[in-house]
Amino acid sequence: MEVFLDTSALSEPDLDLVTEELERDPELKFFVSAITHFEVLWGYSILDKDPASYKNFLRTAGVRVESILQSDAETSAE
């Protein structure tokens, strides 16, 4: 199953715990839309914080950043 994570999952204060939860089911594949990825990085920039923990989370949990297409938006609206 493919799951797109949103900012509510990525704004957790402890991304290590989120990583552990994501790794429990190897059948799940996690993605972040390019829009959400931009929002998260922009938030780090606005707060003048280092995004290293977020980038490490993506790498460790195997989360891929994917583009979002009109068809994706239409599917989510169904």
N, C-alpha and C. Protein backbone atom coordinates (compact mmCIF):
# COMPACT_ATOMS: atom_id res chain seq x y z
N MET A 1 0.83 -1.16 0.00
CA MET A 1 0.00 0.00 0.00
C MET A 1 0.89 1.24 0.00
N GLU A 2 0.51 2.23 -0.78
CA GLU A 2 1.24 3.49 -0.84
C GLU A 2 0.52 4.54 -0.01
N VAL A 3 1.28 5.23 0.82
CA VAL A 3 0.70 6.21 1.73
C VAL A 3 1.45 7.53 1.56
N PHE A 4 0.69 8.61 1.32
CA PHE A 4 1.28 9.94 1.28
C PHE A 4 1.17 10.56 2.66
N LEU A 5 2.29 11.00 3.21
CA LEU A 5 2.30 11.66 4.51
C LEU A 5 2.03 13.14 4.32
N ASP A 6 1.33 13.74 5.28
CA ASP A 6 1.10 15.18 5.21
C ASP A 6 1.85 15.87 6.35
N THR A 7 1.70 17.18 6.43
CA THR A 7 2.47 17.93 7.42
C THR A 7 2.13 17.56 8.85
N SER A 8 0.92 17.07 9.10
CA SER A 8 0.57 16.70 10.48
C SER A 8 1.44 15.53 10.96
N ALA A 9 1.76 14.61 10.08
CA ALA A 9 2.64 13.49 10.45
C ALA A 9 4.09 13.92 10.53
N LEU A 10 4.44 14.93 9.74
CA LEU A 10 5.83 15.35 9.66
C LEU A 10 6.17 16.44 10.66
N SER A 11 5.18 16.99 11.35
CA SER A 11 5.45 18.05 12.31
C SER A 11 5.61 17.52 13.73
N GLU A 12 5.66 16.21 13.85
CA GLU A 12 5.86 15.61 15.16
C GLU A 12 7.20 16.08 15.72
N PRO A 13 7.22 16.37 17.03
CA PRO A 13 8.48 16.84 17.62
C PRO A 13 9.57 15.77 17.61
N ASP A 14 9.18 14.50 17.58
CA ASP A 14 10.18 13.44 17.60
C ASP A 14 10.01 12.56 16.38
N LEU A 15 10.71 12.90 15.31
CA LEU A 15 10.58 12.14 14.07
C LEU A 15 11.09 10.71 14.20
N ASP A 16 11.93 10.44 15.21
CA ASP A 16 12.41 9.07 15.42
C ASP A 16 11.26 8.12 15.76
N LEU A 17 10.31 8.60 16.56
CA LEU A 17 9.15 7.76 16.90
C LEU A 17 8.29 7.50 15.67
N VAL A 18 8.13 8.52 14.84
CA VAL A 18 7.36 8.36 13.61
C VAL A 18 8.06 7.34 12.71
N THR A 19 9.38 7.42 12.64
CA THR A 19 10.16 6.49 11.82
C THR A 19 9.91 5.05 12.29
N GLU A 20 9.94 4.83 13.59
CA GLU A 20 9.70 3.48 14.13
C GLU A 20 8.32 2.96 13.73
N GLU A 21 7.33 3.82 13.81
CA GLU A 21 5.97 3.42 13.44
C GLU A 21 5.90 3.05 11.96
N LEU A 22 6.55 3.84 11.12
CA LEU A 22 6.50 3.60 9.68
C LEU A 22 7.21 2.30 9.29
N GLU A 23 8.25 1.95 10.04
CA GLU A 23 9.03 0.76 9.70
C GLU A 23 8.36 -0.53 10.16
N ARG A 24 7.30 -0.47 10.92
CA ARG A 24 6.66 -1.68 11.45
C ARG A 24 6.03 -2.55 10.37
N ASP A 25 5.57 -1.94 9.30
CA ASP A 25 4.92 -2.71 8.24
C ASP A 25 5.70 -2.51 6.94
N PRO A 26 6.54 -3.48 6.58
CA PRO A 26 7.38 -3.34 5.38
C PRO A 26 6.58 -3.30 4.08
N GLU A 27 5.31 -3.69 4.12
CA GLU A 27 4.47 -3.65 2.92
C GLU A 27 4.05 -2.23 2.55
N LEU A 28 4.11 -1.34 3.51
CA LEU A 28 3.71 0.05 3.26
C LEU A 28 4.86 0.82 2.63
N LYS A 29 4.53 1.65 1.66
CA LYS A 29 5.52 2.53 1.03
C LYS A 29 5.05 3.95 1.29
N PHE A 30 5.94 4.76 1.85
CA PHE A 30 5.57 6.11 2.24
C PHE A 30 6.18 7.14 1.31
N PHE A 31 5.38 8.14 1.03
CA PHE A 31 5.77 9.23 0.14
C PHE A 31 5.39 10.56 0.76
N VAL A 32 6.06 11.59 0.32
CA VAL A 32 5.71 12.97 0.67
C VAL A 32 5.56 13.69 -0.66
N SER A 33 4.48 14.44 -0.81
CA SER A 33 4.32 15.19 -2.05
C SER A 33 5.35 16.32 -2.08
N ALA A 34 5.71 16.73 -3.26
CA ALA A 34 6.67 17.83 -3.41
C ALA A 34 6.15 19.08 -2.73
N ILE A 35 4.83 19.27 -2.73
CA ILE A 35 4.23 20.44 -2.09
C ILE A 35 4.44 20.38 -0.57
N THR A 36 4.17 19.23 0.03
CA THR A 36 4.37 19.06 1.47
C THR A 36 5.84 19.20 1.82
N HIS A 37 6.71 18.61 1.01
CA HIS A 37 8.16 18.70 1.22
C HIS A 37 8.59 20.17 1.23
N PHE A 38 8.09 20.95 0.28
CA PHE A 38 8.41 22.37 0.23
C PHE A 38 7.91 23.08 1.49
N GLU A 39 6.69 22.78 1.92
CA GLU A 39 6.13 23.41 3.13
C GLU A 39 6.99 23.13 4.35
N VAL A 40 7.43 21.89 4.50
CA VAL A 40 8.24 21.52 5.65
C VAL A 40 9.59 22.26 5.61
N LEU A 41 10.25 22.24 4.45
CA LEU A 41 11.54 22.93 4.34
C LEU A 41 11.39 24.44 4.53
N TRP A 42 10.29 25.01 4.04
CA TRP A 42 10.03 26.43 4.21
C TRP A 42 9.85 26.74 5.70
N GLY A 43 9.15 25.87 6.42
CA GLY A 43 8.97 26.06 7.86
C GLY A 43 10.30 26.08 8.59
N TYR A 44 11.18 25.15 8.25
CA TYR A 44 12.51 25.15 8.86
C TYR A 44 13.23 26.46 8.55
N SER A 45 13.12 26.93 7.33
CA SER A 45 13.79 28.17 6.92
C SER A 45 13.24 29.37 7.68
N ILE A 46 11.91 29.46 7.78
CA ILE A 46 11.28 30.58 8.49
C ILE A 46 11.74 30.62 9.95
N LEU A 47 11.85 29.45 10.56
CA LEU A 47 12.27 29.37 11.97
C LEU A 47 13.78 29.37 12.13
N ASP A 48 14.50 29.47 11.00
CA ASP A 48 15.97 29.47 11.01
C ASP A 48 16.51 28.23 11.72
N LYS A 49 15.89 27.07 11.41
CA LYS A 49 16.31 25.80 11.99
C LYS A 49 16.94 24.92 10.92
N ASP A 50 17.82 24.06 11.36
CA ASP A 50 18.49 23.11 10.46
C ASP A 50 17.54 21.96 10.13
N PRO A 51 17.28 21.69 8.84
CA PRO A 51 16.36 20.61 8.47
C PRO A 51 17.00 19.22 8.48
N ALA A 52 18.16 19.08 9.12
CA ALA A 52 18.87 17.79 9.10
C ALA A 52 18.03 16.65 9.66
N SER A 53 17.27 16.90 10.73
CA SER A 53 16.47 15.81 11.31
C SER A 53 15.38 15.36 10.35
N TYR A 54 14.78 16.30 9.63
CA TYR A 54 13.75 15.95 8.64
C TYR A 54 14.36 15.16 7.49
N LYS A 55 15.50 15.63 6.98
CA LYS A 55 16.16 14.94 5.88
C LYS A 55 16.62 13.54 6.31
N ASN A 56 17.10 13.43 7.54
CA ASN A 56 17.49 12.12 8.06
C ASN A 56 16.27 11.21 8.18
N PHE A 57 15.13 11.76 8.60
CA PHE A 57 13.89 11.01 8.69
C PHE A 57 13.52 10.43 7.32
N LEU A 58 13.57 11.26 6.28
CA LEU A 58 13.23 10.79 4.94
C LEU A 58 14.13 9.63 4.52
N ARG A 59 15.42 9.79 4.79
CA ARG A 59 16.40 8.77 4.40
C ARG A 59 16.21 7.49 5.23
N THR A 60 16.12 7.61 6.52
CA THR A 60 16.02 6.46 7.41
C THR A 60 14.74 5.67 7.19
N ALA A 61 13.62 6.38 7.04
CA ALA A 61 12.33 5.70 6.88
C ALA A 61 12.05 5.31 5.43
N GLY A 62 12.94 5.71 4.52
CA GLY A 62 12.75 5.36 3.12
C GLY A 62 11.59 6.09 2.47
N VAL A 63 11.31 7.30 2.96
CA VAL A 63 10.20 8.09 2.42
C VAL A 63 10.69 8.83 1.18
N ARG A 64 9.93 8.70 0.09
CA ARG A 64 10.31 9.36 -1.17
C ARG A 64 9.48 10.61 -1.38
N VAL A 65 10.11 11.63 -1.94
CA VAL A 65 9.40 12.86 -2.32
C VAL A 65 8.92 12.66 -3.75
N GLU A 66 7.62 12.81 -3.97
CA GLU A 66 7.02 12.58 -5.28
C GLU A 66 6.26 13.81 -5.75
N SER A 67 6.24 13.99 -7.04
CA SER A 67 5.44 15.08 -7.60
C SER A 67 3.97 14.70 -7.46
N ILE A 68 3.13 15.71 -7.46
CA ILE A 68 1.69 15.46 -7.39
C ILE A 68 1.07 15.91 -8.70
N LEU A 69 0.23 15.09 -9.23
CA LEU A 69 -0.38 15.36 -10.52
C LEU A 69 -1.87 15.66 -10.35
N GLN A 70 -2.47 16.21 -11.37
CA GLN A 70 -3.90 16.47 -11.33
C GLN A 70 -4.67 15.18 -11.04
N SER A 71 -4.22 14.08 -11.63
CA SER A 71 -4.91 12.80 -11.40
C SER A 71 -4.85 12.40 -9.92
N ASP A 72 -3.74 12.72 -9.24
CA ASP A 72 -3.64 12.43 -7.81
C ASP A 72 -4.68 13.23 -7.03
N ALA A 73 -4.82 14.50 -7.36
CA ALA A 73 -5.79 15.35 -6.68
C ALA A 73 -7.21 14.86 -6.94
N GLU A 74 -7.48 14.45 -8.17
CA GLU A 74 -8.82 13.95 -8.50
C GLU A 74 -9.12 12.66 -7.76
N THR A 75 -8.13 11.78 -7.66
CA THR A 75 -8.32 10.52 -6.94
C THR A 75 -8.61 10.78 -5.47
N SER A 76 -7.87 11.73 -4.85
CA SER A 76 -8.13 12.01 -3.44
C SER A 76 -9.47 12.64 -3.18
N ALA A 77 -10.02 13.31 -4.18
CA ALA A 77 -11.32 13.97 -4.01
C ALA A 77 -12.48 13.00 -4.13
N GLU A 78 -12.23 11.81 -4.66
CA GLU A 78 -13.32 10.83 -4.86
C GLU A 78 -13.84 10.27 -3.56
